[in-house]
Amino acid sequence: MISRDIIYRVIDSERNYQDLKWGNPEHDKNESVGNFLIYIERYLNHAKNAYIDANHEIEALARVRQIAALAVACMEQHGAPHRI
């Protein structure tokens, strides 16, 4: 089992990569929650296909990392309601 701290660092690294890839942190400011959900669904489909079609667990996990980072990007732009 991998510690949550390490997982959060991996997700943070992916967020940094996404920001560099798409220009800067400002690139997300015009994206709606719905747009983020569509992006997440797209990567989820990639993950499922990688796992189901070829049993490529590593590729599926790479997509899970991207999904987690997209969820973080969404919450950076639109807020993150606290669990009560």
Protein backbone atom coordinates (compact mmCIF):
# COMPACT_ATOMS: atom_id res chain seq x y z
CA MET A 1 0.00 0.00 0.00
CA ILE A 2 1.25 3.47 -0.90
CA SER A 3 0.84 6.30 1.57
CA ARG A 4 -1.71 9.01 0.93
CA ASP A 5 1.06 11.62 1.15
CA ILE A 6 2.87 10.02 -1.81
CA ILE A 7 -0.39 9.79 -3.78
CA TYR A 8 -1.10 13.48 -3.18
CA ARG A 9 2.41 14.36 -4.40
CA VAL A 10 1.79 12.31 -7.58
CA ILE A 11 -1.50 14.14 -8.18
CA ASP A 12 0.20 17.50 -7.53
CA SER A 13 2.90 16.59 -10.03
CA GLU A 14 0.23 15.76 -12.61
CA ARG A 15 -1.47 19.13 -11.97
CA ASN A 16 1.86 20.87 -12.57
CA TYR A 17 2.27 18.91 -15.80
CA GLN A 18 -1.24 19.87 -16.94
CA ASP A 19 -0.56 23.54 -16.23
CA LEU A 20 2.68 23.42 -18.22
CA LYS A 21 1.06 21.50 -21.06
CA TRP A 22 -1.87 23.85 -21.46
CA GLY A 23 -0.05 27.13 -20.83
CA ASN A 24 -0.42 28.13 -17.18
CA PRO A 25 -2.82 27.83 -14.25
CA GLU A 26 -5.08 30.43 -15.87
CA HIS A 27 -6.08 28.06 -18.68
CA ASP A 28 -8.79 26.50 -16.50
CA LYS A 29 -10.53 29.73 -15.54
CA ASN A 30 -13.12 29.53 -18.33
CA GLU A 31 -13.91 25.84 -17.89
CA SER A 32 -17.28 24.99 -16.38
CA VAL A 33 -17.88 22.17 -13.92
CA GLY A 34 -19.63 20.39 -16.79
CA ASN A 35 -16.57 20.71 -19.02
CA PHE A 36 -14.40 19.18 -16.30
CA LEU A 37 -16.87 16.32 -15.94
CA ILE A 38 -16.69 15.67 -19.67
CA TYR A 39 -12.87 15.64 -19.55
CA ILE A 40 -12.95 13.29 -16.56
CA GLU A 41 -15.38 10.98 -18.34
CA ARG A 42 -13.15 10.94 -21.41
CA TYR A 43 -10.13 9.89 -19.36
CA LEU A 44 -12.24 7.38 -17.43
CA ASN A 45 -13.20 5.77 -20.74
CA HIS A 46 -9.51 5.63 -21.70
CA ALA A 47 -8.72 3.99 -18.37
CA LYS A 48 -11.48 1.42 -18.74
CA ASN A 49 -10.42 0.59 -22.29
CA ALA A 50 -6.79 0.20 -21.26
CA TYR A 51 -7.79 -2.16 -18.50
CA ILE A 52 -10.51 -4.13 -20.27
CA ASP A 53 -9.06 -4.40 -23.77
CA ALA A 54 -5.44 -5.06 -22.93
CA ASN A 55 -5.40 -5.61 -19.17
CA HIS A 56 -2.90 -2.77 -18.91
CA GLU A 57 -3.21 -1.90 -15.25
CA ILE A 58 -0.31 0.59 -15.39
CA GLU A 59 -1.91 2.53 -18.26
CA ALA A 60 -5.25 2.48 -16.44
CA LEU A 61 -3.58 3.83 -13.29
CA ALA A 62 -1.90 6.57 -15.32
CA ARG A 63 -5.37 7.65 -16.45
CA VAL A 64 -6.63 7.51 -12.85
CA ARG A 65 -3.80 9.92 -11.96
CA GLN A 66 -4.97 12.27 -14.73
CA ILE A 67 -8.58 11.99 -13.56
CA ALA A 68 -7.61 12.86 -9.99
CA ALA A 69 -5.67 15.89 -11.20
CA LEU A 70 -8.61 17.02 -13.34
CA ALA A 71 -10.87 16.77 -10.30
CA VAL A 72 -8.40 18.94 -8.39
CA ALA A 73 -8.34 21.47 -11.25
CA CYS A 74 -12.14 21.61 -11.18
CA MET A 75 -12.17 22.27 -7.44
CA GLU A 76 -9.42 24.89 -7.80
CA GLN A 77 -11.70 26.81 -10.15
CA HIS A 78 -15.10 26.20 -8.59
CA GLY A 79 -14.48 25.40 -4.96
CA ALA A 80 -14.43 22.28 -2.87
CA PRO A 81 -17.35 21.88 -0.50
CA HIS A 82 -16.31 20.51 2.88
CA ARG A 83 -17.67 17.17 4.01
CA ILE A 84 -19.98 17.72 6.94
